[in-house]
């Protein structure tokens, strides 16, 4: 019986692969989601691939594609700013559970993606041959090689916005390398790691507004009326800010080749941030999740943040508590929301963090 099931699984996987390579939507029973293929060869071919999806309508004046199918309602806008540098802006409302999978092919040039993403709900990111990373931040940056095998899973009714910058390595070196001076070796390490993958939360409201403003300008204006030079300079500034923030992070002093992220300890912090309304996961659980030893996890985290994982978790929990107090929730409601069985213990922890009881916070 087991052999029969294994054979069925093998045939199913081959069928899914064959259909995916031909741009066909298939239902993945294992993930309980429709599987949507995308091309990673180049930004131009990726955009051409969107044209071939069901119910798509192309508007050459805006260089955009709109589609409204049983799977999703979306709009893609593509703009080449200069040779070796282009952008793709996507707004999607997923009408069902979706798993996006790449069609990996050889690339003619060494392309990289720097992608700003915002989602109404959590979504999963998986990189082949790496550990799983689940993204909980509402606004996030990603950087990776064009031929990296990246899959993403989205929930039904979630909304997703992404502003992706595509550039060749040669273009980047011509425009940016001189700006980083003696930090250039860190930039090279980011590009040359096995996955060249970095994720970074964007918590600056001003930065998010600026990115949204640039995107809206491109999406809402006919290509012939766009001030390409102005847009290019605005985007170059965002790219520079991203890399400058990354290389300024001392955690990048050494890059772990083959790790999910060159700043994996940041991913640990992001995961803990996502757990503030749950009980503390525990050192052993977190170490297993990120495939490191408990001692390395504790030492590296404390070196980076100057506090233990549990202290970091408690501080973040109390920050969340202060937000909920601003929303006029009662002490008992907040204690329950943060998984405290005894409101008095919550109040004591809050006072330890802020010096006053939550009832006296305002």
Protein backbone atom coordinates (compact mmCIF):
# COMPACT_ATOMS: atom_id res chain seq x y z
CA UNK A 1 0.00 0.00 0.00
CA UNK A 2 2.83 2.39 0.91
CA UNK A 3 4.50 1.71 -2.44
CA UNK A 4 1.27 2.53 -4.28
CA UNK A 5 0.88 5.83 -2.38
CA UNK A 6 4.50 6.72 -3.10
CA UNK A 7 3.94 6.05 -6.81
CA UNK A 8 0.80 8.20 -6.83
CA UNK A 9 2.71 10.99 -5.10
CA UNK A 10 5.52 10.74 -7.68
CA UNK A 11 3.10 10.88 -10.61
CA UNK A 12 1.23 13.82 -9.02
CA UNK A 13 4.45 15.78 -8.51
CA UNK A 14 5.55 15.14 -12.11
CA UNK A 15 2.15 16.29 -13.41
CA UNK A 16 2.27 19.45 -11.31
CA UNK A 17 5.80 20.18 -12.54
CA UNK A 18 4.79 19.66 -16.19
CA UNK A 19 1.74 21.93 -15.87
CA UNK A 20 3.60 24.60 -13.89
CA UNK A 21 6.37 24.81 -16.49
CA UNK A 22 3.69 25.56 -19.07
CA UNK A 23 2.15 28.36 -17.04
CA UNK A 24 -0.96 26.42 -16.04
CA UNK A 25 -2.68 26.91 -12.66
CA UNK A 26 -2.91 23.62 -10.75
CA UNK A 27 -4.34 22.69 -7.36
CA UNK A 28 -1.71 21.55 -4.88
CA UNK A 29 -3.47 19.12 -2.52
CA UNK A 30 -0.55 19.01 -0.10
CA UNK A 31 -0.64 22.77 0.49
CA UNK A 32 -4.39 23.09 -0.11
CA UNK A 33 -3.77 25.98 -2.45
CA UNK A 34 -3.73 26.77 -6.16
CA UNK A 35 -0.20 26.78 -7.53
CA UNK A 36 0.73 29.78 -9.67
CA UNK A 37 3.95 29.78 -11.73
CA UNK A 38 6.20 32.78 -12.37
CA UNK A 39 9.30 33.24 -14.51
CA UNK A 40 12.60 34.35 -12.97
CA UNK A 41 14.79 34.54 -16.09
CA UNK A 42 14.60 38.33 -16.44
CA UNK A 43 12.20 41.17 -15.53
CA UNK A 44 11.15 41.51 -19.16
CA UNK A 45 10.23 37.82 -19.45
CA UNK A 46 8.54 37.90 -16.04
CA UNK A 47 6.29 40.71 -17.27
CA UNK A 48 5.66 38.84 -20.55
CA UNK A 49 4.68 35.82 -18.47
CA UNK A 50 1.98 37.85 -16.70
CA UNK A 51 0.49 38.72 -20.09
CA UNK A 52 -0.21 35.03 -20.66
CA UNK A 53 -2.08 34.45 -17.40
CA UNK A 54 -5.87 33.93 -17.56
CA UNK A 55 -8.12 36.95 -18.22
CA UNK A 56 -5.20 39.37 -18.60
CA UNK A 57 -5.55 42.73 -20.38
CA UNK A 58 -2.46 44.66 -21.45
CA UNK A 59 -2.41 48.49 -21.62
CA UNK A 60 0.66 49.69 -23.58
CA UNK A 61 0.12 53.36 -22.63
CA UNK A 62 0.74 52.57 -18.98
CA UNK A 63 2.87 49.45 -19.59
CA UNK A 64 0.46 47.61 -17.29
CA UNK A 65 -1.43 44.34 -17.10
CA UNK A 66 -4.74 43.89 -15.30
CA UNK A 67 -6.50 40.62 -14.58
CA UNK A 68 -9.61 39.55 -12.70
CA UNK A 69 -9.90 35.77 -12.53
CA UNK A 70 -11.17 33.18 -10.07
CA UNK A 71 -7.70 33.17 -8.49
CA UNK A 72 -6.88 36.84 -8.08
CA UNK A 73 -7.51 40.40 -9.08
CA UNK A 74 -4.25 42.15 -9.83
CA UNK A 75 -2.45 44.92 -11.66
CA UNK A 76 1.20 44.82 -12.74
CA UNK A 77 3.08 47.86 -14.04
CA UNK A 78 6.52 47.49 -15.58
CA UNK A 79 9.03 50.24 -16.35
CA UNK A 80 12.59 50.00 -17.64
CA UNK A 81 14.46 53.03 -16.27
CA UNK A 82 17.70 52.34 -18.11
CA UNK A 83 19.62 49.36 -19.42
CA UNK A 84 20.21 46.95 -16.56
CA UNK A 85 17.70 48.59 -14.20
CA UNK A 86 13.90 48.28 -14.18
CA UNK A 87 10.93 48.12 -11.80
CA UNK A 88 7.77 46.04 -11.48
CA UNK A 89 4.88 47.21 -9.28
CA UNK A 90 2.19 44.71 -8.30
CA UNK A 91 -1.11 45.05 -6.44
CA UNK A 92 -2.94 41.77 -5.80
CA UNK A 93 -6.06 40.63 -4.03
CA UNK A 94 -5.90 36.84 -3.66
CA UNK A 95 -9.36 35.28 -3.98
CA UNK A 96 -8.21 31.85 -2.83
CA UNK A 97 -5.25 30.25 -1.09
CA UNK A 98 -2.28 30.62 -3.43
CA UNK A 99 1.21 29.16 -3.63
CA UNK A 100 3.51 31.04 -6.01
CA UNK A 101 6.33 28.89 -7.44
CA UNK A 102 9.18 29.84 -9.78
CA UNK A 103 9.98 28.41 -13.18
CA UNK A 104 13.77 28.29 -12.82
CA UNK A 105 15.73 28.70 -16.05
CA UNK A 106 19.25 29.77 -16.91
CA UNK A 107 19.71 33.53 -16.84
CA UNK A 108 21.82 35.35 -19.42
CA UNK A 109 22.91 38.08 -17.01
CA UNK A 110 23.45 38.26 -13.26
CA UNK A 111 20.15 39.81 -12.14
CA UNK A 112 19.15 40.67 -8.57
CA UNK A 113 15.81 41.63 -7.03
CA UNK A 114 15.33 44.20 -4.30
CA UNK A 115 11.68 43.93 -3.35
CA UNK A 116 9.61 46.03 -0.96
CA UNK A 117 6.47 44.15 0.06
CA UNK A 118 3.42 44.95 2.12
CA UNK A 119 0.67 42.49 2.97
CA UNK A 120 -2.67 42.66 4.79
CA UNK A 121 -1.99 39.24 6.29
CA UNK A 122 0.99 37.06 7.15
CA UNK A 123 2.46 35.04 4.30
CA UNK A 124 5.06 32.33 4.03
CA UNK A 125 8.40 32.48 2.24
CA UNK A 126 10.43 29.35 1.49
CA UNK A 127 13.83 29.17 -0.18
CA UNK A 128 14.80 25.77 -1.57
CA UNK A 129 17.64 24.09 0.35
CA UNK A 130 17.24 26.59 3.22
CA UNK A 131 15.17 26.74 6.38
CA UNK A 132 11.63 28.06 6.28
CA UNK A 133 11.08 31.70 7.08
CA UNK A 134 7.61 32.99 7.85
CA UNK A 135 7.24 36.71 7.46
CA UNK A 136 5.05 38.55 9.95
CA UNK A 137 6.14 42.14 9.36
CA UNK A 138 3.48 44.27 7.61
CA UNK A 139 6.18 45.96 5.52
CA UNK A 140 9.34 44.16 4.49
CA UNK A 141 12.35 44.31 2.15
CA UNK A 142 13.80 41.28 0.35
CA UNK A 143 16.99 40.99 -1.67
CA UNK A 144 17.96 37.88 -3.64
CA UNK A 145 19.41 36.55 -6.88
CA UNK A 146 17.09 36.27 -9.86
CA UNK A 147 17.48 32.50 -10.13
CA UNK A 148 16.95 31.80 -6.42
CA UNK A 149 14.20 29.22 -5.91
CA UNK A 150 11.78 31.31 -3.82
CA UNK A 151 8.23 30.13 -3.11
CA UNK A 152 5.54 32.16 -1.36
CA UNK A 153 2.17 31.18 0.13
CA UNK A 154 -0.73 33.60 0.54
CA UNK A 155 -4.06 33.26 2.32
CA UNK A 156 -7.46 33.72 0.74
CA UNK A 157 -8.68 37.36 0.78
CA UNK A 158 -5.24 38.75 1.65
CA UNK A 159 -4.00 41.81 -0.23
CA UNK A 160 -0.41 42.17 -1.34
CA UNK A 161 1.60 45.09 -2.71
CA UNK A 162 5.16 44.80 -3.96
CA UNK A 163 7.57 47.28 -5.54
CA UNK A 164 10.39 45.26 -7.08
CA UNK A 165 13.64 46.78 -8.35
CA UNK A 166 15.59 44.63 -10.81
CA UNK A 167 19.22 45.34 -11.57
CA UNK A 168 22.27 43.67 -13.03
CA UNK A 169 25.35 43.28 -10.83
CA UNK A 170 27.39 45.33 -13.31
CA UNK A 171 24.83 48.15 -13.19
CA UNK A 172 24.90 48.17 -9.38
CA UNK A 173 28.69 48.35 -9.26
CA UNK A 174 28.71 51.25 -11.73
CA UNK A 175 26.16 53.25 -9.73
CA UNK A 176 26.80 52.36 -6.09
CA UNK A 177 30.09 50.66 -5.28
CA UNK A 178 32.01 53.90 -4.91
CA UNK A 179 29.45 55.19 -2.38
CA UNK A 180 30.17 52.49 0.20
CA UNK A 181 33.93 53.06 0.52
CA UNK A 182 35.59 50.66 2.96
CA UNK A 183 32.24 48.88 3.49
CA UNK A 184 32.25 47.63 -0.11
CA UNK A 185 33.54 44.23 1.05
CA UNK A 186 30.33 43.72 3.06
CA UNK A 187 28.22 44.56 0.00
CA UNK A 188 30.25 42.03 -2.02
CA UNK A 189 29.62 39.40 0.65
CA UNK A 190 25.88 40.00 0.41
CA UNK A 191 25.94 39.60 -3.38
CA UNK A 192 28.26 36.59 -3.39
CA UNK A 193 26.64 34.44 -0.71
CA UNK A 194 24.92 31.24 -1.88
CA UNK A 195 21.47 32.76 -1.77
CA UNK A 196 22.34 36.47 -1.58
CA UNK A 197 19.18 36.79 0.45
CA UNK A 198 18.51 39.51 2.98
CA UNK A 199 15.20 40.37 4.62
CA UNK A 200 14.69 43.55 6.57
CA UNK A 201 11.59 45.12 8.15
CA UNK A 202 10.63 48.64 7.09
CA UNK A 203 9.27 50.41 10.15
CA UNK A 204 9.73 54.01 8.98
CA UNK A 205 6.39 55.64 8.12
CA UNK A 206 8.21 58.30 6.06
CA UNK A 207 10.02 55.64 4.00
CA UNK A 208 6.80 53.72 3.34
CA UNK A 209 4.99 56.90 2.27
CA UNK A 210 7.86 57.75 -0.09
CA UNK A 211 7.83 54.28 -1.66
CA UNK A 212 4.04 54.43 -2.06
CA UNK A 213 4.31 57.90 -3.63
CA UNK A 214 6.85 56.74 -6.24
CA UNK A 215 4.76 53.66 -7.04
CA UNK A 216 1.53 55.64 -7.44
CA UNK A 217 3.27 58.11 -9.75
CA UNK A 218 4.40 55.28 -12.05
CA UNK A 219 1.09 53.38 -11.96
CA UNK A 220 -1.18 56.39 -12.51
CA UNK A 221 0.79 58.14 -15.30
CA UNK A 222 1.15 57.23 -18.95
CA UNK A 223 4.71 56.15 -19.71
CA UNK A 224 5.14 58.93 -22.30
CA UNK A 225 4.37 61.56 -19.62
CA UNK A 226 6.67 60.21 -16.90
CA UNK A 227 9.79 62.09 -15.85
CA UNK A 228 12.04 59.03 -16.03
CA UNK A 229 15.14 60.78 -14.70
CA UNK A 230 13.30 62.10 -11.64
CA UNK A 231 11.78 58.68 -10.88
CA UNK A 232 15.13 56.96 -11.36
CA UNK A 233 16.81 59.30 -8.87
CA UNK A 234 14.04 58.78 -6.30
CA UNK A 235 14.36 55.01 -6.61
CA UNK A 236 18.17 55.09 -6.52
CA UNK A 237 17.90 56.92 -3.21
CA UNK A 238 15.69 54.13 -1.80
CA UNK A 239 18.12 51.45 -3.00
CA UNK A 240 21.04 53.30 -1.41
CA UNK A 241 19.16 53.69 1.91
CA UNK A 242 18.42 49.95 1.99
CA UNK A 243 22.02 48.85 1.44
CA UNK A 244 23.40 51.52 3.75
CA UNK A 245 21.14 50.27 6.55
CA UNK A 246 22.20 46.68 5.93
CA UNK A 247 25.95 47.28 5.88
CA UNK A 248 25.73 49.56 8.93
CA UNK A 249 24.40 46.61 10.91
CA UNK A 250 27.26 45.08 12.86
CA UNK A 251 25.65 41.66 12.52
CA UNK A 252 26.92 41.69 8.93
CA UNK A 253 30.55 41.74 9.99
CA UNK A 254 30.64 38.08 8.97
CA UNK A 255 28.31 36.58 6.40
CA UNK A 256 27.22 32.98 6.84
CA UNK A 257 27.35 31.45 3.38
CA UNK A 258 24.31 29.33 2.66
CA UNK A 259 22.23 30.71 5.50
CA UNK A 260 18.69 31.85 4.83
CA UNK A 261 19.68 35.41 5.56
CA UNK A 262 23.00 37.15 5.96
CA UNK A 263 21.45 38.76 9.01
CA UNK A 264 19.68 35.69 10.37
CA UNK A 265 19.66 37.03 13.91
CA UNK A 266 17.35 39.80 12.65
CA UNK A 267 14.97 37.07 11.49
CA UNK A 268 14.98 35.64 15.01
CA UNK A 269 14.01 39.05 16.39
CA UNK A 270 11.24 39.35 13.80
CA UNK A 271 9.93 35.94 14.81
CA UNK A 272 9.90 36.91 18.50
CA UNK A 273 8.10 40.16 17.56
CA UNK A 274 5.37 38.01 16.02
CA UNK A 275 4.93 35.99 19.22
CA UNK A 276 4.17 38.78 21.73
CA UNK A 277 0.51 37.72 21.95
CA UNK A 278 1.58 34.11 22.57
CA UNK A 279 3.53 32.43 25.36
CA UNK A 280 7.32 32.66 25.04
CA UNK A 281 8.29 29.88 22.56
CA UNK A 282 11.39 28.80 24.51
CA UNK A 283 15.08 28.84 23.62
CA UNK A 284 15.21 25.22 22.43
CA UNK A 285 12.19 25.68 20.16
CA UNK A 286 13.60 28.85 18.56
CA UNK A 287 17.05 27.25 18.14
CA UNK A 288 15.47 24.25 16.38
CA UNK A 289 13.36 26.51 14.17
CA UNK A 290 16.43 28.42 12.97
CA UNK A 291 18.69 25.36 12.94
CA UNK A 292 21.36 26.66 15.28
CA UNK A 293 22.55 25.49 18.69
CA UNK A 294 20.88 26.99 21.75
CA UNK A 295 24.21 28.39 22.96
CA UNK A 296 24.95 30.09 19.61
CA UNK A 297 21.43 31.51 19.52
CA UNK A 298 21.70 32.95 23.05
CA UNK A 299 25.22 34.34 22.56
CA UNK A 300 24.64 35.87 19.12
CA UNK A 301 21.28 37.36 20.10
CA UNK A 302 22.65 38.97 23.26
CA UNK A 303 25.67 40.31 21.36
CA UNK A 304 23.38 41.89 18.77
CA UNK A 305 20.63 43.25 21.06
CA UNK A 306 22.37 43.57 24.42
CA UNK A 307 19.74 41.47 26.19
CA UNK A 308 18.55 37.87 26.41
CA UNK A 309 15.84 36.51 24.13
CA UNK A 310 13.37 36.33 27.00
CA UNK A 311 14.13 39.91 28.09
CA UNK A 312 13.70 41.05 24.46
CA UNK A 313 10.37 39.17 24.31
CA UNK A 314 9.13 40.73 27.56
CA UNK A 315 10.13 44.23 26.45
CA UNK A 316 8.31 43.78 23.14
CA UNK A 317 5.29 42.42 25.00
CA UNK A 318 5.15 45.51 27.19
CA UNK A 319 5.52 47.76 24.14
CA UNK A 320 2.49 45.99 22.70
CA UNK A 321 0.70 46.47 26.01
CA UNK A 322 1.31 50.23 25.87
CA UNK A 323 -0.17 50.31 22.34
CA UNK A 324 -3.27 48.47 23.57
CA UNK A 325 -3.62 50.90 26.48
CA UNK A 326 -3.65 53.73 23.93
CA UNK A 327 -6.52 51.86 22.26
CA UNK A 328 -8.45 52.07 25.55
CA UNK A 329 -8.38 48.33 26.33
CA UNK A 330 -8.71 47.48 30.03
CA UNK A 331 -5.87 45.97 32.07
CA UNK A 332 -7.71 42.65 32.28
CA UNK A 333 -8.33 42.59 28.52
CA UNK A 334 -4.67 43.27 27.76
CA UNK A 335 -3.48 40.68 30.28
CA UNK A 336 -5.67 38.07 28.60
CA UNK A 337 -4.58 39.12 25.11
CA UNK A 338 -0.92 38.72 26.11
CA UNK A 339 -1.58 35.29 27.68
CA UNK A 340 -1.20 36.32 31.33
CA UNK A 341 -3.40 34.14 33.54
CA UNK A 342 -3.02 36.61 36.41
CA UNK A 343 -3.57 40.34 35.63
CA UNK A 344 -1.48 41.21 38.71
CA UNK A 345 1.56 39.48 37.19
CA UNK A 346 1.02 41.46 34.00
CA UNK A 347 0.78 44.71 35.97
CA UNK A 348 3.98 43.88 37.85
CA UNK A 349 5.84 43.18 34.61
CA UNK A 350 4.52 46.41 33.08
CA UNK A 351 5.66 48.42 36.11
CA UNK A 352 9.09 46.78 35.91
CA UNK A 353 9.36 47.97 32.30
CA UNK A 354 7.84 51.47 32.56
CA UNK A 355 8.05 52.31 36.27
CA UNK A 356 4.28 52.73 36.68
CA UNK A 357 1.31 50.39 36.83
CA UNK A 358 -0.69 50.11 33.57
CA UNK A 359 -3.71 51.65 35.32
CA UNK A 360 -1.60 54.78 35.96
CA UNK A 361 0.10 54.85 32.55
CA UNK A 362 -1.80 57.93 31.30
